[in-house]
Amino acid sequence: MATIVIAQTLTAAGIFAVLALPLSAALALLPVLGVALNGITTVIYGSVPSYAPPERRTHALSVFYTITIGTAALAPPVSGLLGDLIGIPAAIITIALLTLATIPLAFGLVGDRLAPHSPHSN
């Protein structure tokens, strides 16, 4: 959980910083931002099995990957539309805020992971 919080916070901070920095500094920051994004993806992918009982892990991973691929396909046009509607800086700020919004959602999963899994539970 700490890794998710740190990586999401660094990602959002990096997004905000790219807006505030001059172009050359923003371009230098982008690889670091990419590492943060890659790190959070790896942590989240790796944690999916811990939220499902062994007999449901394949299903949990397939649902997770399907949602991930779908949202990855929708994100560029939705972000572009948002940028057209409210402007690029405001759209980028919205994306950074949505990144931070995932942190409380992740904490909501902790209780589910720690709960015992009964073979008779839904």
PDB file of N, CA and C in Angstrom:
ATOM      1  N   MET A   1       0.825  -1.193   0.000  1.00  0.00           N
ATOM      2  CA  MET A   1       0.000   0.000   0.000  1.00  0.00           C
ATOM      3  C   MET A   1       0.871   1.261   0.000  1.00  0.00           C
ATOM      4  N   ALA A   2       1.941   1.220   0.765  1.00  0.00           N
ATOM      5  CA  ALA A   2       2.825   2.393   0.810  1.00  0.00           C
ATOM      6  C   ALA A   2       3.404   2.683  -0.564  1.00  0.00           C
ATOM      7  N   THR A   3       3.742   1.651  -1.311  1.00  0.00           N
ATOM      8  CA  THR A   3       4.301   1.849  -2.651  1.00  0.00           C
ATOM      9  C   THR A   3       3.277   2.508  -3.569  1.00  0.00           C
ATOM     10  N   ILE A   4       2.028   2.082  -3.461  1.00  0.00           N
ATOM     11  CA  ILE A   4       0.979   2.688  -4.283  1.00  0.00           C
ATOM     12  C   ILE A   4       0.821   4.171  -3.933  1.00  0.00           C
ATOM     13  N   VAL A   5       0.773   4.484  -2.653  1.00  0.00           N
ATOM     14  CA  VAL A   5       0.617   5.878  -2.224  1.00  0.00           C
ATOM     15  C   VAL A   5       1.797   6.723  -2.706  1.00  0.00           C
ATOM     16  N   ILE A   6       2.998   6.227  -2.519  1.00  0.00           N
ATOM     17  CA  ILE A   6       4.190   6.982  -2.932  1.00  0.00           C
ATOM     18  C   ILE A   6       4.216   7.173  -4.442  1.00  0.00           C
ATOM     19  N   ALA A   7       3.987   6.094  -5.182  1.00  0.00           N
ATOM     20  CA  ALA A   7       4.055   6.189  -6.643  1.00  0.00           C
ATOM     21  C   ALA A   7       2.951   7.081  -7.205  1.00  0.00           C
ATOM     22  N   GLN A   8       1.740   6.978  -6.693  1.00  0.00           N
ATOM     23  CA  GLN A   8       0.645   7.827  -7.182  1.00  0.00           C
ATOM     24  C   GLN A   8       0.903   9.290  -6.824  1.00  0.00           C
ATOM     25  N   THR A   9       1.411   9.527  -5.634  1.00  0.00           N
ATOM     26  CA  THR A   9       1.711  10.902  -5.223  1.00  0.00           C
ATOM     27  C   THR A   9       2.826  11.488  -6.088  1.00  0.00           C
ATOM     28  N   LEU A  10       3.875  10.712  -6.335  1.00  0.00           N
ATOM     29  CA  LEU A  10       4.964  11.188  -7.204  1.00  0.00           C
ATOM     30  C   LEU A  10       4.473  11.431  -8.623  1.00  0.00           C
ATOM     31  N   THR A  11       3.597  10.568  -9.096  1.00  0.00           N
ATOM     32  CA  THR A  11       3.056  10.746 -10.443  1.00  0.00           C
ATOM     33  C   THR A  11       2.262  12.042 -10.527  1.00  0.00           C
ATOM     34  N   ALA A  12       1.365  12.257  -9.582  1.00  0.00           N
ATOM     35  CA  ALA A  12       0.568  13.496  -9.588  1.00  0.00           C
ATOM     36  C   ALA A  12       1.471  14.720  -9.437  1.00  0.00           C
ATOM     37  N   ALA A  13       2.442  14.650  -8.540  1.00  0.00           N
ATOM     38  CA  ALA A  13       3.368  15.776  -8.358  1.00  0.00           C
ATOM     39  C   ALA A  13       4.148  16.044  -9.639  1.00  0.00           C
ATOM     40  N   GLY A  14       4.558  14.968 -10.307  1.00  0.00           N
ATOM     41  CA  GLY A  14       5.262  15.120 -11.583  1.00  0.00           C
ATOM     42  C   GLY A  14       4.394  15.770 -12.643  1.00  0.00           C
ATOM     43  N   ILE A  15       3.130  15.389 -12.679  1.00  0.00           N
ATOM     44  CA  ILE A  15       2.207  15.992 -13.646  1.00  0.00           C
ATOM     45  C   ILE A  15       2.042  17.488 -13.358  1.00  0.00           C
ATOM     46  N   PHE A  16       1.842  17.833 -12.082  1.00  0.00           N
ATOM     47  CA  PHE A  16       1.735  19.252 -11.714  1.00  0.00           C
ATOM     48  C   PHE A  16       3.029  20.001 -12.052  1.00  0.00           C
ATOM     49  N   ALA A  17       4.171  19.372 -11.791  1.00  0.00           N
ATOM     50  CA  ALA A  17       5.454  20.018 -12.046  1.00  0.00           C
ATOM     51  C   ALA A  17       5.667  20.278 -13.531  1.00  0.00           C
ATOM     52  N   VAL A  18       5.254  19.352 -14.382  1.00  0.00           N
ATOM     53  CA  VAL A  18       5.413  19.545 -15.827  1.00  0.00           C
ATOM     54  C   VAL A  18       4.687  20.811 -16.281  1.00  0.00           C
ATOM     55  N   LEU A  19       3.539  21.080 -15.674  1.00  0.00           N
ATOM     56  CA  LEU A  19       2.809  22.302 -16.017  1.00  0.00           C
ATOM     57  C   LEU A  19       3.535  23.560 -15.559  1.00  0.00           C
ATOM     58  N   ALA A  20       4.185  23.479 -14.415  1.00  0.00           N
ATOM     59  CA  ALA A  20       4.789  24.667 -13.809  1.00  0.00           C
ATOM     60  C   ALA A  20       6.201  24.963 -14.317  1.00  0.00           C
ATOM     61  N   LEU A  21       6.893  23.939 -14.787  1.00  0.00           N
ATOM     62  CA  LEU A  21       8.294  24.109 -15.171  1.00  0.00           C
ATOM     63  C   LEU A  21       8.435  24.668 -16.583  1.00  0.00           C
ATOM     64  N   PRO A  22       9.581  25.316 -16.845  1.00  0.00           N
ATOM     65  CA  PRO A  22       9.871  25.701 -18.228  1.00  0.00           C
ATOM     66  C   PRO A  22      10.047  24.440 -19.086  1.00  0.00           C
ATOM     67  N   LEU A  23       9.926  24.586 -20.381  1.00  0.00           N
ATOM     68  CA  LEU A  23       9.915  23.447 -21.287  1.00  0.00           C
ATOM     69  C   LEU A  23      11.115  22.518 -21.105  1.00  0.00           C
ATOM     70  N   SER A  24      12.319  23.060 -21.026  1.00  0.00           N
ATOM     71  CA  SER A  24      13.511  22.197 -20.928  1.00  0.00           C
ATOM     72  C   SER A  24      13.486  21.382 -19.632  1.00  0.00           C
ATOM     73  N   ALA A  25      13.089  21.977 -18.548  1.00  0.00           N
ATOM     74  CA  ALA A  25      13.007  21.252 -17.276  1.00  0.00           C
ATOM     75  C   ALA A  25      11.872  20.227 -17.307  1.00  0.00           C
ATOM     76  N   ALA A  26      10.749  20.596 -17.916  1.00  0.00           N
ATOM     77  CA  ALA A  26       9.627  19.660 -18.030  1.00  0.00           C
ATOM     78  C   ALA A  26      10.031  18.447 -18.851  1.00  0.00           C
ATOM     79  N   LEU A  27      10.755  18.667 -19.938  1.00  0.00           N
ATOM     80  CA  LEU A  27      11.215  17.546 -20.765  1.00  0.00           C
ATOM     81  C   LEU A  27      12.193  16.656 -20.004  1.00  0.00           C
ATOM     82  N   ALA A  28      13.019  17.248 -19.169  1.00  0.00           N
ATOM     83  CA  ALA A  28      13.943  16.462 -18.352  1.00  0.00           C
ATOM     84  C   ALA A  28      13.197  15.647 -17.300  1.00  0.00           C
ATOM     85  N   LEU A  29      12.078  16.163 -16.833  1.00  0.00           N
ATOM     86  CA  LEU A  29      11.293  15.476 -15.804  1.00  0.00           C
ATOM     87  C   LEU A  29      10.478  14.314 -16.368  1.00  0.00           C
ATOM     88  N   LEU A  30      10.124  14.367 -17.631  1.00  0.00           N
ATOM     89  CA  LEU A  30       9.241  13.349 -18.208  1.00  0.00           C
ATOM     90  C   LEU A  30       9.748  11.912 -18.051  1.00  0.00           C
ATOM     91  N   PRO A  31      11.050  11.627 -18.228  1.00  0.00           N
ATOM     92  CA  PRO A  31      11.494  10.241 -17.989  1.00  0.00           C
ATOM     93  C   PRO A  31      11.276   9.788 -16.536  1.00  0.00           C
ATOM     94  N   VAL A  32      11.468  10.686 -15.590  1.00  0.00           N
ATOM     95  CA  VAL A  32      11.228  10.350 -14.182  1.00  0.00           C
ATOM     96  C   VAL A  32       9.743  10.070 -13.960  1.00  0.00           C
ATOM     97  N   LEU A  33       8.906  10.871 -14.576  1.00  0.00           N
ATOM     98  CA  LEU A  33       7.465  10.657 -14.502  1.00  0.00           C
ATOM     99  C   LEU A  33       7.102   9.301 -15.120  1.00  0.00           C
ATOM    100  N   GLY A  34       7.747   8.957 -16.203  1.00  0.00           N
ATOM    101  CA  GLY A  34       7.519   7.653 -16.824  1.00  0.00           C
ATOM    102  C   GLY A  34       7.892   6.502 -15.914  1.00  0.00           C
ATOM    103  N   VAL A  35       8.988   6.645 -15.179  1.00  0.00           N
ATOM    104  CA  VAL A  35       9.396   5.604 -14.227  1.00  0.00           C
ATOM    105  C   VAL A  35       8.353   5.458 -13.121  1.00  0.00           C
ATOM    106  N   ALA A  36       7.839   6.578 -12.627  1.00  0.00           N
ATOM    107  CA  ALA A  36       6.794   6.523 -11.588  1.00  0.00           C
ATOM    108  C   ALA A  36       5.555   5.823 -12.129  1.00  0.00           C
ATOM    109  N   LEU A  37       5.156   6.151 -13.357  1.00  0.00           N
ATOM    110  CA  LEU A  37       3.988   5.507 -13.964  1.00  0.00           C
ATOM    111  C   LEU A  37       4.219   4.012 -14.144  1.00  0.00           C
ATOM    112  N   ASN A  38       5.389   3.645 -14.616  1.00  0.00           N
ATOM    113  CA  ASN A  38       5.703   2.232 -14.805  1.00  0.00           C
ATOM    114  C   ASN A  38       5.734   1.507 -13.464  1.00  0.00           C
ATOM    115  N   GLY A  39       6.265   2.157 -12.451  1.00  0.00           N
ATOM    116  CA  GLY A  39       6.332   1.538 -11.126  1.00  0.00           C
ATOM    117  C   GLY A  39       4.966   1.263 -10.547  1.00  0.00           C
ATOM    118  N   ILE A  40       4.060   2.210 -10.672  1.00  0.00           N
ATOM    119  CA  ILE A  40       2.727   1.999 -10.110  1.00  0.00           C
ATOM    120  C   ILE A  40       1.989   0.923 -10.876  1.00  0.00           C
ATOM    121  N   THR A  41       2.171   0.872 -12.185  1.00  0.00           N
ATOM    122  CA  THR A  41       1.526  -0.176 -12.985  1.00  0.00           C
ATOM    123  C   THR A  41       2.011  -1.547 -12.541  1.00  0.00           C
ATOM    124  N   THR A  42       3.306  -1.688 -12.354  1.00  0.00           N
ATOM    125  CA  THR A  42       3.870  -2.963 -11.936  1.00  0.00           C
ATOM    126  C   THR A  42       3.363  -3.371 -10.557  1.00  0.00           C
ATOM    127  N   VAL A  43       3.321  -2.435  -9.633  1.00  0.00           N
ATOM    128  CA  VAL A  43       2.845  -2.737  -8.276  1.00  0.00           C
ATOM    129  C   VAL A  43       1.382  -3.166  -8.301  1.00  0.00           C
ATOM    130  N   ILE A  44       0.566  -2.438  -9.041  1.00  0.00           N
ATOM    131  CA  ILE A  44      -0.863  -2.765  -9.078  1.00  0.00           C
ATOM    132  C   ILE A  44      -1.087  -4.106  -9.767  1.00  0.00           C
ATOM    133  N   TYR A  45      -0.446  -4.342 -10.895  1.00  0.00           N
ATOM    134  CA  TYR A  45      -0.593  -5.635 -11.571  1.00  0.00           C
ATOM    135  C   TYR A  45      -0.177  -6.770 -10.648  1.00  0.00           C
ATOM    136  N   GLY A  46       0.917  -6.570  -9.945  1.00  0.00           N
ATOM    137  CA  GLY A  46       1.430  -7.616  -9.058  1.00  0.00           C
ATOM    138  C   GLY A  46       0.575  -7.849  -7.829  1.00  0.00           C
ATOM    139  N   SER A  47      -0.220  -6.853  -7.453  1.00  0.00           N
ATOM    140  CA  SER A  47      -1.032  -7.012  -6.241  1.00  0.00           C
ATOM    141  C   SER A  47      -2.408  -7.601  -6.509  1.00  0.00           C
ATOM    142  N   VAL A  48      -2.834  -7.651  -7.751  1.00  0.00           N
ATOM    143  CA  VAL A  48      -4.174  -8.160  -8.066  1.00  0.00           C
ATOM    144  C   VAL A  48      -4.411  -9.559  -7.491  1.00  0.00           C
ATOM    145  N   PRO A  49      -3.470 -10.503  -7.633  1.00  0.00           N
ATOM    146  CA  PRO A  49      -3.733 -11.842  -7.104  1.00  0.00           C
ATOM    147  C   PRO A  49      -3.967 -11.882  -5.591  1.00  0.00           C
ATOM    148  N   SER A  50      -3.440 -10.930  -4.864  1.00  0.00           N
ATOM    149  CA  SER A  50      -3.614 -10.962  -3.413  1.00  0.00           C
ATOM    150  C   SER A  50      -5.019 -10.543  -2.981  1.00  0.00           C
ATOM    151  N   TYR A  51      -5.821 -10.054  -3.919  1.00  0.00           N
ATOM    152  CA  TYR A  51      -7.181  -9.637  -3.594  1.00  0.00           C
ATOM    153  C   TYR A  51      -8.228 -10.691  -3.949  1.00  0.00           C
ATOM    154  N   ALA A  52      -7.781 -11.836  -4.426  1.00  0.00           N
ATOM    155  CA  ALA A  52      -8.725 -12.883  -4.810  1.00  0.00           C
ATOM    156  C   ALA A  52      -8.252 -14.215  -4.254  1.00  0.00           C
ATOM    157  N   PRO A  53      -9.194 -15.080  -3.887  1.00  0.00           N
ATOM    158  CA  PRO A  53      -8.790 -16.407  -3.443  1.00  0.00           C
ATOM    159  C   PRO A  53      -8.142 -17.164  -4.615  1.00  0.00           C
ATOM    160  N   PRO A  54      -7.305 -18.127  -4.330  1.00  0.00           N
ATOM    161  CA  PRO A  54      -6.564 -18.817  -5.401  1.00  0.00           C
ATOM    162  C   PRO A  54      -7.441 -19.307  -6.557  1.00  0.00           C
ATOM    163  N   GLU A  55      -8.607 -19.820  -6.256  1.00  0.00           N
ATOM    164  CA  GLU A  55      -9.461 -20.355  -7.327  1.00  0.00           C
ATOM    165  C   GLU A  55     -10.096 -19.260  -8.193  1.00  0.00           C
ATOM    166  N   ARG A  56     -10.015 -18.002  -7.774  1.00  0.00           N
ATOM    167  CA  ARG A  56     -10.602 -16.892  -8.534  1.00  0.00           C
ATOM    168  C   ARG A  56      -9.541 -15.940  -9.110  1.00  0.00           C
ATOM    169  N   ARG A  57      -8.276 -16.256  -8.927  1.00  0.00           N
ATOM    170  CA  ARG A  57      -7.217 -15.335  -9.367  1.00  0.00           C
ATOM    171  C   ARG A  57      -7.187 -15.154 -10.877  1.00  0.00           C
ATOM    172  N   THR A  58      -7.383 -16.221 -11.623  1.00  0.00           N
ATOM    173  CA  THR A  58      -7.377 -16.093 -13.077  1.00  0.00           C
ATOM    174  C   THR A  58      -8.496 -15.159 -13.519  1.00  0.00           C
ATOM    175  N   HIS A  59      -9.655 -15.318 -12.924  1.00  0.00           N
ATOM    176  CA  HIS A  59     -10.790 -14.449 -13.253  1.00  0.00           C
ATOM    177  C   HIS A  59     -10.491 -13.003 -12.853  1.00  0.00           C
ATOM    178  N   ALA A  60      -9.953 -12.810 -11.656  1.00  0.00           N
ATOM    179  CA  ALA A  60      -9.636 -11.450 -11.185  1.00  0.00           C
ATOM    180  C   ALA A  60      -8.639 -10.775 -12.124  1.00  0.00           C
ATOM    181  N   LEU A  61      -7.607 -11.501 -12.530  1.00  0.00           N
ATOM    182  CA  LEU A  61      -6.618 -10.923 -13.450  1.00  0.00           C
ATOM    183  C   LEU A  61      -7.237 -10.623 -14.811  1.00  0.00           C
ATOM    184  N   SER A  62      -8.110 -11.507 -15.311  1.00  0.00           N
ATOM    185  CA  SER A  62      -8.715 -11.256 -16.616  1.00  0.00           C
ATOM    186  C   SER A  62      -9.625 -10.029 -16.565  1.00  0.00           C
ATOM    187  N   VAL A  63     -10.375  -9.869 -15.488  1.00  0.00           N
ATOM    188  CA  VAL A  63     -11.224  -8.678 -15.353  1.00  0.00           C
ATOM    189  C   VAL A  63     -10.350  -7.428 -15.244  1.00  0.00           C
ATOM    190  N   PHE A  64      -9.308  -7.501 -14.432  1.00  0.00           N
ATOM    191  CA  PHE A  64      -8.413  -6.358 -14.257  1.00  0.00           C
ATOM    192  C   PHE A  64      -7.781  -5.951 -15.580  1.00  0.00           C
ATOM    193  N   TYR A  65      -7.227  -6.914 -16.318  1.00  0.00           N
ATOM    194  CA  TYR A  65      -6.573  -6.594 -17.591  1.00  0.00           C
ATOM    195  C   TYR A  65      -7.570  -6.076 -18.614  1.00  0.00           C
ATOM    196  N   THR A  66      -8.780  -6.603 -18.631  1.00  0.00           N
ATOM    197  CA  THR A  66      -9.794  -6.117 -19.563  1.00  0.00           C
ATOM    198  C   THR A  66     -10.144  -4.665 -19.265  1.00  0.00           C
ATOM    199  N   ILE A  67     -10.334  -4.352 -18.007  1.00  0.00           N
ATOM    200  CA  ILE A  67     -10.637  -2.970 -17.619  1.00  0.00           C
ATOM    201  C   ILE A  67      -9.450  -2.060 -17.948  1.00  0.00           C
ATOM    202  N   THR A  68      -8.248  -2.529 -17.678  1.00  0.00           N
ATOM    203  CA  THR A  68      -7.054  -1.732 -17.950  1.00  0.00           C
ATOM    204  C   THR A  68      -6.915  -1.433 -19.433  1.00  0.00           C
ATOM    205  N   ILE A  69      -7.100  -2.434 -20.280  1.00  0.00           N
ATOM    206  CA  ILE A  69      -6.977  -2.236 -21.727  1.00  0.00           C
ATOM    207  C   ILE A  69      -8.080  -1.303 -22.222  1.00  0.00           C
ATOM    208  N   GLY A  70      -9.291  -1.482 -21.701  1.00  0.00           N
ATOM    209  CA  GLY A  70     -10.399  -0.617 -22.109  1.00  0.00           C
ATOM    210  C   GLY A  70     -10.173   0.838 -21.729  1.00  0.00           C
ATOM    211  N   THR A  71      -9.730   1.051 -20.502  1.00  0.00           N
ATOM    212  CA  THR A  71      -9.498   2.435 -20.075  1.00  0.00           C
ATOM    213  C   THR A  71      -8.298   3.045 -20.791  1.00  0.00           C
ATOM    214  N   ALA A  72      -7.306   2.229 -21.110  1.00  0.00           N
ATOM    215  CA  ALA A  72      -6.152   2.741 -21.860  1.00  0.00           C
ATOM    216  C   ALA A  72      -6.571   3.164 -23.271  1.00  0.00           C
ATOM    217  N   ALA A  73      -7.540   2.461 -23.834  1.00  0.00           N
ATOM    218  CA  ALA A  73      -8.038   2.838 -25.157  1.00  0.00           C
ATOM    219  C   ALA A  73      -8.902   4.095 -25.097  1.00  0.00           C
ATOM    220  N   LEU A  74      -9.661   4.256 -24.021  1.00  0.00           N
ATOM    221  CA  LEU A  74     -10.557   5.406 -23.903  1.00  0.00           C
ATOM    222  C   LEU A  74      -9.859   6.677 -23.416  1.00  0.00           C
ATOM    223  N   ALA A  75      -8.776   6.532 -22.683  1.00  0.00           N
ATOM    224  CA  ALA A  75      -8.130   7.694 -22.069  1.00  0.00           C
ATOM    225  C   ALA A  75      -7.697   8.767 -23.068  1.00  0.00           C
ATOM    226  N   PRO A  76      -7.035   8.437 -24.168  1.00  0.00           N
ATOM    227  CA  PRO A  76      -6.608   9.518 -25.078  1.00  0.00           C
ATOM    228  C   PRO A  76      -7.771  10.327 -25.668  1.00  0.00           C
ATOM    229  N   PRO A  77      -8.809   9.678 -26.217  1.00  0.00           N
ATOM    230  CA  PRO A  77      -9.877  10.536 -26.752  1.00  0.00           C
ATOM    231  C   PRO A  77     -10.641  11.309 -25.672  1.00  0.00           C
ATOM    232  N   VAL A  78     -10.826  10.704 -24.503  1.00  0.00           N
ATOM    233  CA  VAL A  78     -11.519  11.404 -23.422  1.00  0.00           C
ATOM    234  C   VAL A  78     -10.669  12.581 -22.935  1.00  0.00           C
ATOM    235  N   SER A  79      -9.369  12.370 -22.792  1.00  0.00           N
ATOM    236  CA  SER A  79      -8.475  13.455 -22.379  1.00  0.00           C
ATOM    237  C   SER A  79      -8.450  14.560 -23.423  1.00  0.00           C
ATOM    238  N   GLY A  80      -8.438  14.180 -24.692  1.00  0.00           N
ATOM    239  CA  GLY A  80      -8.467  15.178 -25.760  1.00  0.00           C
ATOM    240  C   GLY A  80      -9.751  15.984 -25.751  1.00  0.00           C
ATOM    241  N   LEU A  81     -10.874  15.309 -25.558  1.00  0.00           N
ATOM    242  CA  LEU A  81     -12.156  16.003 -25.480  1.00  0.00           C
ATOM    243  C   LEU A  81     -12.186  16.944 -24.275  1.00  0.00           C
ATOM    244  N   LEU A  82     -11.682  16.441 -23.142  1.00  0.00           N
ATOM    245  CA  LEU A  82     -11.616  17.284 -21.944  1.00  0.00           C
ATOM    246  C   LEU A  82     -10.747  18.513 -22.205  1.00  0.00           C
ATOM    247  N   GLY A  83      -9.610  18.305 -22.866  1.00  0.00           N
ATOM    248  CA  GLY A  83      -8.744  19.430 -23.209  1.00  0.00           C
ATOM    249  C   GLY A  83      -9.423  20.430 -24.121  1.00  0.00           C
ATOM    250  N   ASP A  84     -10.234  19.926 -25.073  1.00  0.00           N
ATOM    251  CA  ASP A  84     -10.975  20.820 -25.955  1.00  0.00           C
ATOM    252  C   ASP A  84     -12.023  21.621 -25.183  1.00  0.00           C
ATOM    253  N   LEU A  85     -12.632  20.983 -24.184  1.00  0.00           N
ATOM    254  CA  LEU A  85     -13.711  21.638 -23.439  1.00  0.00           C
ATOM    255  C   LEU A  85     -13.213  22.640 -22.405  1.00  0.00           C
ATOM    256  N   ILE A  86     -12.165  22.267 -21.657  1.00  0.00           N
ATOM    257  CA  ILE A  86     -11.731  23.127 -20.550  1.00  0.00           C
ATOM    258  C   ILE A  86     -10.306  23.665 -20.719  1.00  0.00           C
ATOM    259  N   GLY A  87      -9.634  23.277 -21.768  1.00  0.00           N
ATOM    260  CA  GLY A  87      -8.269  23.723 -22.006  1.00  0.00           C
ATOM    261  C   GLY A  87      -7.266  22.670 -21.538  1.00  0.00           C
ATOM    262  N   ILE A  88      -6.116  22.665 -22.180  1.00  0.00           N
ATOM    263  CA  ILE A  88      -5.110  21.637 -21.896  1.00  0.00           C
ATOM    264  C   ILE A  88      -4.592  21.718 -20.461  1.00  0.00           C
ATOM    265  N   PRO A  89      -4.215  22.896 -19.939  1.00  0.00           N
ATOM    266  CA  PRO A  89      -3.734  22.922 -18.549  1.00  0.00           C
ATOM    267  C   PRO A  89      -4.770  22.398 -17.552  1.00  0.00           C
ATOM    268  N   ALA A  90      -6.024  22.797 -17.716  1.00  0.00           N
ATOM    269  CA  ALA A  90      -7.067  22.325 -16.799  1.00  0.00           C
ATOM    270  C   ALA A  90      -7.295  20.821 -16.945  1.00  0.00           C
ATOM    271  N   ALA A  91      -7.194  20.307 -18.154  1.00  0.00           N
ATOM    272  CA  ALA A  91      -7.345  18.862 -18.363  1.00  0.00           C
ATOM    273  C   ALA A  91      -6.206  18.103 -17.691  1.00  0.00           C
ATOM    274  N   ILE A  92      -5.003  18.625 -17.786  1.00  0.00           N
ATOM    275  CA  ILE A  92      -3.852  17.977 -17.151  1.00  0.00           C
ATOM    276  C   ILE A  92      -3.990  18.022 -15.632  1.00  0.00           C
ATOM    277  N   ILE A  93      -4.445  19.122 -15.098  1.00  0.00           N
ATOM    278  CA  ILE A  93      -4.685  19.217 -13.650  1.00  0.00           C
ATOM    279  C   ILE A  93      -5.744  18.205 -13.233  1.00  0.00           C
ATOM    280  N   THR A  94      -6.781  18.058 -14.041  1.00  0.00           N
ATOM    281  CA  THR A  94      -7.827  17.074 -13.748  1.00  0.00           C
ATOM    282  C   THR A  94      -7.253  15.665 -13.713  1.00  0.00           C
ATOM    283  N   ILE A  95      -6.381  15.360 -14.649  1.00  0.00           N
ATOM    284  CA  ILE A  95      -5.744  14.034 -14.680  1.00  0.00           C
ATOM    285  C   ILE A  95      -4.895  13.819 -13.424  1.00  0.00           C
ATOM    286  N   ALA A  96      -4.155  14.840 -13.021  1.00  0.00           N
ATOM    287  CA  ALA A  96      -3.344  14.722 -11.801  1.00  0.00           C
ATOM    288  C   ALA A  96      -4.231  14.505 -10.580  1.00  0.00           C
ATOM    289  N   LEU A  97      -5.343  15.219 -10.519  1.00  0.00           N
ATOM    290  CA  LEU A  97      -6.260  15.056  -9.383  1.00  0.00           C
ATOM    291  C   LEU A  97      -6.914  13.669  -9.389  1.00  0.00           C
ATOM    292  N   LEU A  98      -7.239  13.168 -10.565  1.00  0.00           N
ATOM    293  CA  LEU A  98      -7.780  11.806 -10.655  1.00  0.00           C
ATOM    294  C   LEU A  98      -6.749  10.770 -10.215  1.00  0.00           C
ATOM    295  N   THR A  99      -5.489  11.040 -10.515  1.00  0.00           N
ATOM    296  CA  THR A  99      -4.418  10.158 -10.058  1.00  0.00           C
ATOM    297  C   THR A  99      -4.395  10.108  -8.537  1.00  0.00           C
ATOM    298  N   LEU A 100      -4.507  11.263  -7.902  1.00  0.00           N
ATOM    299  CA  LEU A 100      -4.545  11.308  -6.435  1.00  0.00           C
ATOM    300  C   LEU A 100      -5.813  10.660  -5.876  1.00  0.00           C
ATOM    301  N   ALA A 101      -6.901  10.734  -6.619  1.00  0.00           N
ATOM    302  CA  ALA A 101      -8.171  10.161  -6.153  1.00  0.00           C
ATOM    303  C   ALA A 101      -8.120   8.640  -6.046  1.00  0.00           C
ATOM    304  N   THR A 102      -7.163   8.024  -6.728  1.00  0.00           N
ATOM    305  CA  THR A 102      -7.057   6.560  -6.638  1.00  0.00           C
ATOM    306  C   THR A 102      -6.483   6.097  -5.298  1.00  0.00           C
ATOM    307  N   ILE A 103      -5.833   6.981  -4.576  1.00  0.00           N
ATOM    308  CA  ILE A 103      -5.221   6.582  -3.297  1.00  0.00           C
ATOM    309  C   ILE A 103      -6.277   6.159  -2.279  1.00  0.00           C
ATOM    310  N   PRO A 104      -7.313   6.956  -2.027  1.00  0.00           N
ATOM    311  CA  PRO A 104      -8.333   6.483  -1.078  1.00  0.00           C
ATOM    312  C   PRO A 104      -9.042   5.218  -1.570  1.00  0.00           C
ATOM    313  N   LEU A 105      -9.191   5.081  -2.881  1.00  0.00           N
ATOM    314  CA  LEU A 105      -9.806   3.861  -3.416  1.00  0.00           C
ATOM    315  C   LEU A 105      -8.949   2.640  -3.104  1.00  0.00           C
ATOM    316  N   ALA A 106      -7.636   2.800  -3.204  1.00  0.00           N
ATOM    317  CA  ALA A 106      -6.737   1.683  -2.897  1.00  0.00           C
ATOM    318  C   ALA A 106      -6.834   1.292  -1.430  1.00  0.00           C
ATOM    319  N   PHE A 107      -6.981   2.269  -0.555  1.00  0.00           N
ATOM    320  CA  PHE A 107      -7.131   1.946   0.868  1.00  0.00           C
ATOM    321  C   PHE A 107      -8.421   1.185   1.131  1.00  0.00           C
ATOM    322  N   GLY A 108      -9.427   1.418   0.308  1.00  0.00           N
ATOM    323  CA  GLY A 108     -10.666   0.668   0.437  1.00  0.00           C
ATOM    324  C   GLY A 108     -10.500  -0.810   0.140  1.00  0.00           C
ATOM    325  N   LEU A 109      -9.497  -1.150  -0.642  1.00  0.00           N
ATOM    326  CA  LEU A 109      -9.249  -2.554  -0.966  1.00  0.00           C
ATOM    327  C   LEU A 109      -8.507  -3.298   0.128  1.00  0.00           C
ATOM    328  N   VAL A 110      -7.809  -2.593   0.981  1.00  0.00           N
ATOM    329  CA  VAL A 110      -7.005  -3.247   2.010  1.00  0.00           C
ATOM    330  C   VAL A 110      -7.853  -4.150   2.880  1.00  0.00           C
ATOM    331  N   GLY A 111      -8.991  -3.667   3.318  1.00  0.00           N
ATOM    332  CA  GLY A 111      -9.861  -4.482   4.165  1.00  0.00           C
ATOM    333  C   GLY A 111     -10.319  -5.743   3.467  1.00  0.00           C
ATOM    334  N   ASP A 112     -10.594  -5.658   2.158  1.00  0.00           N
ATOM    335  CA  ASP A 112     -11.023  -6.827   1.407  1.00  0.00           C
ATOM    336  C   ASP A 112      -9.916  -7.870   1.323  1.00  0.00           C
ATOM    337  N   ARG A 113      -8.694  -7.417   1.164  1.00  0.00           N
ATOM    338  CA  ARG A 113      -7.580  -8.353   1.032  1.00  0.00           C
ATOM    339  C   ARG A 113      -7.309  -9.062   2.344  1.00  0.00           C
ATOM    340  N   LEU A 114      -7.487  -8.366   3.436  1.00  0.00           N
ATOM    341  CA  LEU A 114      -7.176  -8.941   4.729  1.00  0.00           C
ATOM    342  C   LEU A 114      -8.293  -9.844   5.249  1.00  0.00           C
ATOM    343  N   ALA A 115      -9.468  -9.718   4.673  1.00  0.00           N
ATOM    344  CA  ALA A 115     -10.590 -10.552   5.118  1.00  0.00           C
ATOM    345  C   ALA A 115     -10.369 -11.985   4.683  1.00  0.00           C
ATOM    346  N   PRO A 116     -10.695 -12.963   5.529  1.00  0.00           N
ATOM    347  CA  PRO A 116     -10.529 -14.353   5.140  1.00  0.00           C
ATOM    348  C   PRO A 116     -11.462 -14.687   3.994  1.00  0.00           C
ATOM    349  N   HIS A 117     -10.975 -15.515   3.070  1.00  0.00           N
ATOM    350  CA  HIS A 117     -11.776 -15.928   1.935  1.00  0.00           C
ATOM    351  C   HIS A 117     -12.341 -17.315   2.201  1.00  0.00           C
ATOM    352  N   SER A 118     -13.647 -17.380   2.256  1.00  0.00           N
ATOM    353  CA  SER A 118     -14.324 -18.638   2.468  1.00  0.00           C
ATOM    354  C   SER A 118     -14.672 -19.238   1.114  1.00  0.00           C
ATOM    355  N   PRO A 119     -14.554 -20.551   0.948  1.00  0.00           N
ATOM    356  CA  PRO A 119     -14.923 -21.145  -0.325  1.00  0.00           C
ATOM    357  C   PRO A 119     -16.404 -20.961  -0.650  1.00  0.00           C
ATOM    358  N   HIS A 120     -17.197 -20.594   0.358  1.00  0.00           N
ATOM    359  CA  HIS A 120     -18.625 -20.425   0.164  1.00  0.00           C
ATOM    360  C   HIS A 120     -19.035 -18.967   0.001  1.00  0.00           C
ATOM    361  N   SER A 121     -18.050 -18.034   0.054  1.00  0.00           N
ATOM    362  CA  SER A 121     -18.390 -16.617  -0.064  1.00  0.00           C
ATOM    363  C   SER A 121     -18.517 -16.257  -1.541  1.00  0.00           C
ATOM    364  N   ASN A 122     -19.251 -15.175  -1.806  1.00  0.00           N
ATOM    365  CA  ASN A 122     -19.460 -14.761  -3.197  1.00  0.00           C
ATOM    366  C   ASN A 122     -18.347 -13.896  -3.638  1.00  0.00           C
TER     367      ASN A 122
END
